[in-house]
């Protein structure tokens, strides 16, 4: 039996209304596209839609409880290489990555024990799996490409993360990873209630509460934040209003919303280039 559902297009991330038939086929009419456009901005990711993955915000607490901060950074890099077929980790032409390929991607050829400790932790906890043919998969419970009906997801722009990894340490990416469950749905704020729709009720993190939420001491967070940038572009903005300090993610790297990012948010990061 056919039914109407709201799905994310696997190529663009655009949320659309689709008729889902038996066996997973779907038919999308022009009228349905126009209806979806009344609710969601169809130009949301124009020019940026070729490469992002989804992270399930409700589930990655399992990951952060089992991996070190640096290992979370390695996983953030590897999930940039998953395909649409169950999260297989692949090279540019679609071939499965070997351990040697992942060593190269993670820049750990001279730190093989670090790599194998990371892989052991992931395999033992089911965060990464291996099939009988030696192909590796990132568990789609945590990171995936493709359609989703889950609203508690955040997009990671893979080219940005790959670029960042050439300039920042794995521990910095890991700190960013630990922040992903706390990104607000409308303004990319880091807060304790990321699904709150009333802007007056958003409980913004300050440095102390953000550090506590992600499980690091405040001095470590304060010391590492200035290094979380690439190409002169900061990943996290720090804004002060009186004595209150607040944080927001750069929407060109991580983004929650389904509409084009607010111009003031985009402009904020343009003005924070080093």
C-alpha atoms as a PDB file:
ATOM      1  CA  UNK A   1       0.000   0.000   0.000  1.00  0.00           C
ATOM      2  CA  UNK A   2       1.303   3.465  -0.884  1.00  0.00           C
ATOM      3  CA  UNK A   3       1.680   6.117   1.772  1.00  0.00           C
ATOM      4  CA  UNK A   4       2.920   9.680   1.874  1.00  0.00           C
ATOM      5  CA  UNK A   5       6.042  10.376   3.894  1.00  0.00           C
ATOM      6  CA  UNK A   6       8.456  13.223   4.412  1.00  0.00           C
ATOM      7  CA  UNK A   7      11.913  12.053   3.400  1.00  0.00           C
ATOM      8  CA  UNK A   8      15.355  13.550   2.922  1.00  0.00           C
ATOM      9  CA  UNK A   9      16.536  13.247  -0.653  1.00  0.00           C
ATOM     10  CA  UNK A  10      19.684  11.052  -0.562  1.00  0.00           C
ATOM     11  CA  UNK A  11      21.551  13.257  -3.031  1.00  0.00           C
ATOM     12  CA  UNK A  12      20.708  16.748  -1.823  1.00  0.00           C
ATOM     13  CA  UNK A  13      19.434  16.384   1.707  1.00  0.00           C
ATOM     14  CA  UNK A  14      16.314  18.311   0.669  1.00  0.00           C
ATOM     15  CA  UNK A  15      13.255  17.356   2.707  1.00  0.00           C
ATOM     16  CA  UNK A  16      10.405  16.471   0.362  1.00  0.00           C
ATOM     17  CA  UNK A  17       7.037  14.755   0.461  1.00  0.00           C
ATOM     18  CA  UNK A  18       7.126  11.457  -1.394  1.00  0.00           C
ATOM     19  CA  UNK A  19       4.696   8.627  -2.102  1.00  0.00           C
ATOM     20  CA  UNK A  20       6.372   5.433  -0.905  1.00  0.00           C
ATOM     21  CA  UNK A  21       5.118   2.279  -2.595  1.00  0.00           C
ATOM     22  CA  UNK A  22       5.641  -1.381  -1.807  1.00  0.00           C
ATOM     23  CA  UNK A  23       9.244  -2.546  -2.185  1.00  0.00           C
ATOM     24  CA  UNK A  24      10.525   0.966  -1.398  1.00  0.00           C
ATOM     25  CA  UNK A  25       9.742   2.705  -4.725  1.00  0.00           C
ATOM     26  CA  UNK A  26       8.576   6.291  -4.568  1.00  0.00           C
ATOM     27  CA  UNK A  27       6.758   8.719  -6.836  1.00  0.00           C
ATOM     28  CA  UNK A  28       7.172  12.456  -6.393  1.00  0.00           C
ATOM     29  CA  UNK A  29       4.835  14.742  -8.282  1.00  0.00           C
ATOM     30  CA  UNK A  30       5.412  18.399  -9.070  1.00  0.00           C
ATOM     31  CA  UNK A  31       2.492  19.271  -6.819  1.00  0.00           C
ATOM     32  CA  UNK A  32       4.139  17.407  -3.964  1.00  0.00           C
ATOM     33  CA  UNK A  33       7.390  19.270  -4.562  1.00  0.00           C
ATOM     34  CA  UNK A  34       5.553  22.593  -4.406  1.00  0.00           C
ATOM     35  CA  UNK A  35       3.796  21.495  -1.240  1.00  0.00           C
ATOM     36  CA  UNK A  36       7.083  20.606   0.390  1.00  0.00           C
ATOM     37  CA  UNK A  37       8.539  23.946  -0.625  1.00  0.00           C
ATOM     38  CA  UNK A  38       5.895  25.699   1.459  1.00  0.00           C
ATOM     39  CA  UNK A  39       7.466  24.131   4.537  1.00  0.00           C
ATOM     40  CA  UNK A  40      11.149  23.845   3.647  1.00  0.00           C
ATOM     41  CA  UNK A  41      13.555  26.006   1.686  1.00  0.00           C
ATOM     42  CA  UNK A  42      14.420  24.099  -1.484  1.00  0.00           C
ATOM     43  CA  UNK A  43      17.572  26.158  -1.931  1.00  0.00           C
ATOM     44  CA  UNK A  44      18.874  25.066   1.468  1.00  0.00           C
ATOM     45  CA  UNK A  45      22.055  23.387   0.359  1.00  0.00           C
ATOM     46  CA  UNK A  46      22.493  24.695  -3.178  1.00  0.00           C
ATOM     47  CA  UNK A  47      26.168  24.698  -4.009  1.00  0.00           C
ATOM     48  CA  UNK A  48      27.005  22.615  -0.921  1.00  0.00           C
ATOM     49  CA  UNK A  49      24.820  19.585  -1.359  1.00  0.00           C
ATOM     50  CA  UNK A  50      27.255  17.174  -2.969  1.00  0.00           C
ATOM     51  CA  UNK A  51      28.919  15.912   0.173  1.00  0.00           C
ATOM     52  CA  UNK A  52      27.456  15.510   3.621  1.00  0.00           C
ATOM     53  CA  UNK A  53      26.631  12.729   6.031  1.00  0.00           C
ATOM     54  CA  UNK A  54      24.039  12.538   8.780  1.00  0.00           C
ATOM     55  CA  UNK A  55      24.864  11.931  12.438  1.00  0.00           C
ATOM     56  CA  UNK A  56      22.194  10.609  14.780  1.00  0.00           C
ATOM     57  CA  UNK A  57      22.381  12.991  17.725  1.00  0.00           C
ATOM     58  CA  UNK A  58      20.513  10.681  20.093  1.00  0.00           C
ATOM     59  CA  UNK A  59      22.793   7.702  19.488  1.00  0.00           C
ATOM     60  CA  UNK A  60      26.371   8.946  19.426  1.00  0.00           C
ATOM     61  CA  UNK A  61      26.508   9.161  23.212  1.00  0.00           C
ATOM     62  CA  UNK A  62      27.193   5.421  22.913  1.00  0.00           C
ATOM     63  CA  UNK A  63      30.231   6.258  20.776  1.00  0.00           C
ATOM     64  CA  UNK A  64      31.591   9.006  22.997  1.00  0.00           C
ATOM     65  CA  UNK A  65      31.339   6.725  26.034  1.00  0.00           C
ATOM     66  CA  UNK A  66      33.523   4.094  24.357  1.00  0.00           C
ATOM     67  CA  UNK A  67      36.096   6.074  22.391  1.00  0.00           C
ATOM     68  CA  UNK A  68      38.699   8.551  23.530  1.00  0.00           C
ATOM     69  CA  UNK A  69      38.407  12.116  22.281  1.00  0.00           C
ATOM     70  CA  UNK A  70      41.113  11.561  19.659  1.00  0.00           C
ATOM     71  CA  UNK A  71      39.406   8.337  18.541  1.00  0.00           C
ATOM     72  CA  UNK A  72      36.150  10.274  18.103  1.00  0.00           C
ATOM     73  CA  UNK A  73      38.146  12.543  15.797  1.00  0.00           C
ATOM     74  CA  UNK A  74      39.352   9.586  13.730  1.00  0.00           C
ATOM     75  CA  UNK A  75      35.780   8.328  13.429  1.00  0.00           C
ATOM     76  CA  UNK A  76      34.590  11.776  12.342  1.00  0.00           C
ATOM     77  CA  UNK A  77      37.107  11.601   9.499  1.00  0.00           C
ATOM     78  CA  UNK A  78      36.287   8.024   8.473  1.00  0.00           C
ATOM     79  CA  UNK A  79      32.535   8.626   8.352  1.00  0.00           C
ATOM     80  CA  UNK A  80      33.231  11.147   5.585  1.00  0.00           C
ATOM     81  CA  UNK A  81      34.015   8.160   3.350  1.00  0.00           C
ATOM     82  CA  UNK A  82      30.860   6.063   3.831  1.00  0.00           C
ATOM     83  CA  UNK A  83      28.718   5.160   0.840  1.00  0.00           C
ATOM     84  CA  UNK A  84      24.945   4.832   0.494  1.00  0.00           C
ATOM     85  CA  UNK A  85      25.084   1.054   0.783  1.00  0.00           C
ATOM     86  CA  UNK A  86      24.968   0.480   4.523  1.00  0.00           C
ATOM     87  CA  UNK A  87      27.868   2.735   5.447  1.00  0.00           C
ATOM     88  CA  UNK A  88      30.690   0.895   3.691  1.00  0.00           C
ATOM     89  CA  UNK A  89      33.966   2.834   3.958  1.00  0.00           C
ATOM     90  CA  UNK A  90      35.102   3.442   0.390  1.00  0.00           C
ATOM     91  CA  UNK A  91      37.703   5.179  -1.731  1.00  0.00           C
ATOM     92  CA  UNK A  92      36.924   7.773  -4.385  1.00  0.00           C
ATOM     93  CA  UNK A  93      35.918   5.217  -7.023  1.00  0.00           C
ATOM     94  CA  UNK A  94      33.811   3.138  -4.681  1.00  0.00           C
ATOM     95  CA  UNK A  95      36.256   0.382  -3.797  1.00  0.00           C
ATOM     96  CA  UNK A  96      36.267  -0.716  -0.174  1.00  0.00           C
ATOM     97  CA  UNK A  97      39.011   0.811   1.922  1.00  0.00           C
ATOM     98  CA  UNK A  98      41.589  -1.545   3.361  1.00  0.00           C
ATOM     99  CA  UNK A  99      43.365  -1.037   6.662  1.00  0.00           C
ATOM    100  CA  UNK A 100      46.256   0.431   4.678  1.00  0.00           C
ATOM    101  CA  UNK A 101      43.898   2.928   3.014  1.00  0.00           C
ATOM    102  CA  UNK A 102      42.484   3.989   6.378  1.00  0.00           C
ATOM    103  CA  UNK A 103      45.983   4.362   7.823  1.00  0.00           C
ATOM    104  CA  UNK A 104      46.701   6.757   4.973  1.00  0.00           C
ATOM    105  CA  UNK A 105      43.442   8.720   5.329  1.00  0.00           C
ATOM    106  CA  UNK A 106      43.939   9.087   9.074  1.00  0.00           C
ATOM    107  CA  UNK A 107      47.614  10.008   8.658  1.00  0.00           C
ATOM    108  CA  UNK A 108      48.618   7.269  11.074  1.00  0.00           C
ATOM    109  CA  UNK A 109      51.219   5.351   9.057  1.00  0.00           C
ATOM    110  CA  UNK A 110      53.818   6.249  11.647  1.00  0.00           C
ATOM    111  CA  UNK A 111      51.410   5.530  14.505  1.00  0.00           C
ATOM    112  CA  UNK A 112      50.135   2.084  13.602  1.00  0.00           C
ATOM    113  CA  UNK A 113      49.480   1.066  17.192  1.00  0.00           C
ATOM    114  CA  UNK A 114      47.255   4.157  17.572  1.00  0.00           C
ATOM    115  CA  UNK A 115      45.287   3.105  14.496  1.00  0.00           C
ATOM    116  CA  UNK A 116      44.859  -0.504  15.583  1.00  0.00           C
ATOM    117  CA  UNK A 117      43.833   0.549  19.092  1.00  0.00           C
ATOM    118  CA  UNK A 118      41.175   2.761  17.478  1.00  0.00           C
ATOM    119  CA  UNK A 119      39.947   0.018  15.152  1.00  0.00           C
ATOM    120  CA  UNK A 120      39.846  -2.536  17.978  1.00  0.00           C
ATOM    121  CA  UNK A 121      37.732  -0.195  20.107  1.00  0.00           C
ATOM    122  CA  UNK A 122      35.340   0.419  17.200  1.00  0.00           C
ATOM    123  CA  UNK A 123      35.051  -3.244  16.161  1.00  0.00           C
ATOM    124  CA  UNK A 124      34.591  -4.527  19.700  1.00  0.00           C
ATOM    125  CA  UNK A 125      31.763  -2.055  20.357  1.00  0.00           C
ATOM    126  CA  UNK A 126      30.080  -2.418  16.945  1.00  0.00           C
ATOM    127  CA  UNK A 127      30.758   1.178  15.917  1.00  0.00           C
ATOM    128  CA  UNK A 128      32.587  -0.196  12.878  1.00  0.00           C
ATOM    129  CA  UNK A 129      31.908  -3.676  11.494  1.00  0.00           C
ATOM    130  CA  UNK A 130      33.733  -5.938   9.050  1.00  0.00           C
ATOM    131  CA  UNK A 131      32.098  -8.382   6.636  1.00  0.00           C
ATOM    132  CA  UNK A 132      33.359 -11.721   5.346  1.00  0.00           C
ATOM    133  CA  UNK A 133      34.990 -10.011   2.358  1.00  0.00           C
ATOM    134  CA  UNK A 134      37.114  -7.713   4.489  1.00  0.00           C
ATOM    135  CA  UNK A 135      35.045  -4.575   3.832  1.00  0.00           C
ATOM    136  CA  UNK A 136      34.558  -2.168   6.720  1.00  0.00           C
ATOM    137  CA  UNK A 137      31.332  -0.325   7.585  1.00  0.00           C
ATOM    138  CA  UNK A 138      30.532   2.563   9.890  1.00  0.00           C
ATOM    139  CA  UNK A 139      27.427   1.504  11.785  1.00  0.00           C
ATOM    140  CA  UNK A 140      24.531   3.489  10.208  1.00  0.00           C
ATOM    141  CA  UNK A 141      22.960   3.810  13.634  1.00  0.00           C
ATOM    142  CA  UNK A 142      25.493   6.588  14.215  1.00  0.00           C
ATOM    143  CA  UNK A 143      26.521   7.963  10.794  1.00  0.00           C
ATOM    144  CA  UNK A 144      24.957   7.457   7.376  1.00  0.00           C
ATOM    145  CA  UNK A 145      24.092   8.869   3.985  1.00  0.00           C
ATOM    146  CA  UNK A 146      20.672   8.732   2.389  1.00  0.00           C
ATOM    147  CA  UNK A 147      17.038   9.280   3.258  1.00  0.00           C
ATOM    148  CA  UNK A 148      15.954   9.648   6.866  1.00  0.00           C
ATOM    149  CA  UNK A 149      12.807  10.424   8.813  1.00  0.00           C
ATOM    150  CA  UNK A 150      14.821  11.102  11.955  1.00  0.00           C
ATOM    151  CA  UNK A 151      14.655  14.773  12.922  1.00  0.00           C
ATOM    152  CA  UNK A 152      17.422  14.483  15.512  1.00  0.00           C
ATOM    153  CA  UNK A 153      20.224  14.479  12.972  1.00  0.00           C
ATOM    154  CA  UNK A 154      22.982  16.896  12.065  1.00  0.00           C
ATOM    155  CA  UNK A 155      24.741  17.264   8.740  1.00  0.00           C
ATOM    156  CA  UNK A 156      28.522  17.058   8.521  1.00  0.00           C
ATOM    157  CA  UNK A 157      30.015  18.559   5.363  1.00  0.00           C
ATOM    158  CA  UNK A 158      32.639  16.028   4.457  1.00  0.00           C
ATOM    159  CA  UNK A 159      34.949  18.217   2.372  1.00  0.00           C
ATOM    160  CA  UNK A 160      35.191  20.680   5.262  1.00  0.00           C
ATOM    161  CA  UNK A 161      36.069  17.963   7.770  1.00  0.00           C
ATOM    162  CA  UNK A 162      38.694  16.485   5.450  1.00  0.00           C
ATOM    163  CA  UNK A 163      40.182  19.921   4.980  1.00  0.00           C
ATOM    164  CA  UNK A 164      40.133  20.600   8.698  1.00  0.00           C
ATOM    165  CA  UNK A 165      41.972  17.350   9.420  1.00  0.00           C
ATOM    166  CA  UNK A 166      44.899  18.572   7.369  1.00  0.00           C
ATOM    167  CA  UNK A 167      45.227  21.511   9.749  1.00  0.00           C
ATOM    168  CA  UNK A 168      43.954  20.465  13.185  1.00  0.00           C
ATOM    169  CA  UNK A 169      44.647  17.574  15.533  1.00  0.00           C
ATOM    170  CA  UNK A 170      42.432  14.532  15.911  1.00  0.00           C
ATOM    171  CA  UNK A 171      41.664  15.620  19.466  1.00  0.00           C
ATOM    172  CA  UNK A 172      40.216  18.898  18.150  1.00  0.00           C
ATOM    173  CA  UNK A 173      37.929  17.025  15.760  1.00  0.00           C
ATOM    174  CA  UNK A 174      37.041  14.727  18.633  1.00  0.00           C
ATOM    175  CA  UNK A 175      35.986  17.672  20.781  1.00  0.00           C
ATOM    176  CA  UNK A 176      33.777  18.877  17.917  1.00  0.00           C
ATOM    177  CA  UNK A 177      32.336  15.362  17.639  1.00  0.00           C
ATOM    178  CA  UNK A 178      31.430  15.350  21.327  1.00  0.00           C
ATOM    179  CA  UNK A 179      29.513  18.609  20.819  1.00  0.00           C
ATOM    180  CA  UNK A 180      27.256  17.293  18.034  1.00  0.00           C
ATOM    181  CA  UNK A 181      24.394  16.112  20.300  1.00  0.00           C
ATOM    182  CA  UNK A 182      24.008  19.660  21.623  1.00  0.00           C
ATOM    183  CA  UNK A 183      23.513  21.684  18.414  1.00  0.00           C
ATOM    184  CA  UNK A 184      20.277  23.658  18.339  1.00  0.00           C
ATOM    185  CA  UNK A 185      17.840  22.975  15.529  1.00  0.00           C
ATOM    186  CA  UNK A 186      17.323  26.581  14.420  1.00  0.00           C
ATOM    187  CA  UNK A 187      20.521  28.535  15.026  1.00  0.00           C
ATOM    188  CA  UNK A 188      23.356  26.012  15.477  1.00  0.00           C
ATOM    189  CA  UNK A 189      23.778  27.115  19.084  1.00  0.00           C
ATOM    190  CA  UNK A 190      25.468  24.782  21.535  1.00  0.00           C
ATOM    191  CA  UNK A 191      22.937  24.335  24.308  1.00  0.00           C
ATOM    192  CA  UNK A 192      21.418  21.875  26.751  1.00  0.00           C
ATOM    193  CA  UNK A 193      18.017  21.772  24.993  1.00  0.00           C
ATOM    194  CA  UNK A 194      18.756  21.508  21.248  1.00  0.00           C
ATOM    195  CA  UNK A 195      15.144  20.725  20.265  1.00  0.00           C
ATOM    196  CA  UNK A 196      13.593  23.771  21.971  1.00  0.00           C
ATOM    197  CA  UNK A 197      11.611  25.821  19.438  1.00  0.00           C
ATOM    198  CA  UNK A 198      11.092  28.927  21.557  1.00  0.00           C
ATOM    199  CA  UNK A 199      14.258  31.055  21.187  1.00  0.00           C
ATOM    200  CA  UNK A 200      13.604  32.638  24.571  1.00  0.00           C
ATOM    201  CA  UNK A 201      13.923  29.272  26.242  1.00  0.00           C
ATOM    202  CA  UNK A 202      17.216  28.127  24.717  1.00  0.00           C
ATOM    203  CA  UNK A 203      19.648  27.271  27.501  1.00  0.00           C
ATOM    204  CA  UNK A 204      22.961  28.281  25.958  1.00  0.00           C
ATOM    205  CA  UNK A 205      26.125  26.647  27.221  1.00  0.00           C
ATOM    206  CA  UNK A 206      28.867  28.808  28.647  1.00  0.00           C
ATOM    207  CA  UNK A 207      32.435  27.521  28.748  1.00  0.00           C
ATOM    208  CA  UNK A 208      31.995  25.664  32.023  1.00  0.00           C
ATOM    209  CA  UNK A 209      28.720  23.955  31.134  1.00  0.00           C
ATOM    210  CA  UNK A 210      29.884  23.065  27.602  1.00  0.00           C
ATOM    211  CA  UNK A 211      33.049  21.489  28.977  1.00  0.00           C
ATOM    212  CA  UNK A 212      30.997  19.514  31.499  1.00  0.00           C
ATOM    213  CA  UNK A 213      28.576  18.302  28.819  1.00  0.00           C
ATOM    214  CA  UNK A 214      31.334  16.923  26.587  1.00  0.00           C
ATOM    215  CA  UNK A 215      33.359  15.498  29.438  1.00  0.00           C
ATOM    216  CA  UNK A 216      36.510  17.627  29.431  1.00  0.00           C
ATOM    217  CA  UNK A 217      37.852  20.210  31.835  1.00  0.00           C
ATOM    218  CA  UNK A 218      37.192  23.852  31.050  1.00  0.00           C
ATOM    219  CA  UNK A 219      40.895  24.709  30.719  1.00  0.00           C
ATOM    220  CA  UNK A 220      41.340  22.072  28.001  1.00  0.00           C
ATOM    221  CA  UNK A 221      38.349  23.393  26.072  1.00  0.00           C
ATOM    222  CA  UNK A 222      39.494  27.007  26.399  1.00  0.00           C
ATOM    223  CA  UNK A 223      42.983  26.072  25.239  1.00  0.00           C
ATOM    224  CA  UNK A 224      41.824  24.054  22.217  1.00  0.00           C
ATOM    225  CA  UNK A 225      39.022  26.294  20.883  1.00  0.00           C
ATOM    226  CA  UNK A 226      41.349  28.830  19.180  1.00  0.00           C
ATOM    227  CA  UNK A 227      42.897  25.958  17.194  1.00  0.00           C
ATOM    228  CA  UNK A 228      39.572  24.739  15.787  1.00  0.00           C
ATOM    229  CA  UNK A 229      39.885  26.441  12.422  1.00  0.00           C
ATOM    230  CA  UNK A 230      41.070  25.681   8.913  1.00  0.00           C
ATOM    231  CA  UNK A 231      41.974  27.919   6.036  1.00  0.00           C
ATOM    232  CA  UNK A 232      41.638  30.792   8.487  1.00  0.00           C
ATOM    233  CA  UNK A 233      37.961  29.944   9.093  1.00  0.00           C
ATOM    234  CA  UNK A 234      36.779  29.191  12.634  1.00  0.00           C
ATOM    235  CA  UNK A 235      34.569  26.172  13.298  1.00  0.00           C
ATOM    236  CA  UNK A 236      33.061  27.508  16.533  1.00  0.00           C
ATOM    237  CA  UNK A 237      32.080  31.096  17.248  1.00  0.00           C
ATOM    238  CA  UNK A 238      32.332  32.465  20.782  1.00  0.00           C
ATOM    239  CA  UNK A 239      29.981  35.362  21.459  1.00  0.00           C
ATOM    240  CA  UNK A 240      29.880  37.429  24.644  1.00  0.00           C
ATOM    241  CA  UNK A 241      26.777  39.274  25.830  1.00  0.00           C
ATOM    242  CA  UNK A 242      27.662  40.989  29.049  1.00  0.00           C
ATOM    243  CA  UNK A 243      29.225  38.332  31.282  1.00  0.00           C
ATOM    244  CA  UNK A 244      27.595  35.491  29.332  1.00  0.00           C
ATOM    245  CA  UNK A 245      29.674  33.622  26.733  1.00  0.00           C
ATOM    246  CA  UNK A 246      27.874  31.564  24.087  1.00  0.00           C
ATOM    247  CA  UNK A 247      28.943  29.175  21.318  1.00  0.00           C
ATOM    248  CA  UNK A 248      27.701  28.347  17.805  1.00  0.00           C
ATOM    249  CA  UNK A 249      28.904  25.919  15.150  1.00  0.00           C
ATOM    250  CA  UNK A 250      29.914  27.161  11.705  1.00  0.00           C
ATOM    251  CA  UNK A 251      27.003  26.060   9.436  1.00  0.00           C
ATOM    252  CA  UNK A 252      29.379  25.325   6.561  1.00  0.00           C
ATOM    253  CA  UNK A 253      30.905  22.505   8.635  1.00  0.00           C
ATOM    254  CA  UNK A 254      28.036  21.199  10.805  1.00  0.00           C
ATOM    255  CA  UNK A 255      24.400  22.197  10.363  1.00  0.00           C
ATOM    256  CA  UNK A 256      21.086  21.159  11.972  1.00  0.00           C
ATOM    257  CA  UNK A 257      18.523  23.172  10.078  1.00  0.00           C
ATOM    258  CA  UNK A 258      16.426  22.398   7.005  1.00  0.00           C
ATOM    259  CA  UNK A 259      16.425  25.956   5.723  1.00  0.00           C
ATOM    260  CA  UNK A 260      19.195  28.169   4.463  1.00  0.00           C
ATOM    261  CA  UNK A 261      21.317  29.294   7.438  1.00  0.00           C
ATOM    262  CA  UNK A 262      20.384  32.684   8.829  1.00  0.00           C
ATOM    263  CA  UNK A 263      22.357  35.470   7.155  1.00  0.00           C
ATOM    264  CA  UNK A 264      23.539  36.801  10.502  1.00  0.00           C
ATOM    265  CA  UNK A 265      24.967  33.373  11.395  1.00  0.00           C
ATOM    266  CA  UNK A 266      26.781  33.092   8.074  1.00  0.00           C
ATOM    267  CA  UNK A 267      28.062  36.666   8.364  1.00  0.00           C
ATOM    268  CA  UNK A 268      29.333  35.965  11.865  1.00  0.00           C
ATOM    269  CA  UNK A 269      31.762  33.372  10.565  1.00  0.00           C
ATOM    270  CA  UNK A 270      32.753  35.490   7.587  1.00  0.00           C
ATOM    271  CA  UNK A 271      33.772  38.087  10.115  1.00  0.00           C
ATOM    272  CA  UNK A 272      35.723  35.574  12.194  1.00  0.00           C
ATOM    273  CA  UNK A 273      38.285  34.651   9.564  1.00  0.00           C
ATOM    274  CA  UNK A 274      41.783  34.797  10.943  1.00  0.00           C
END
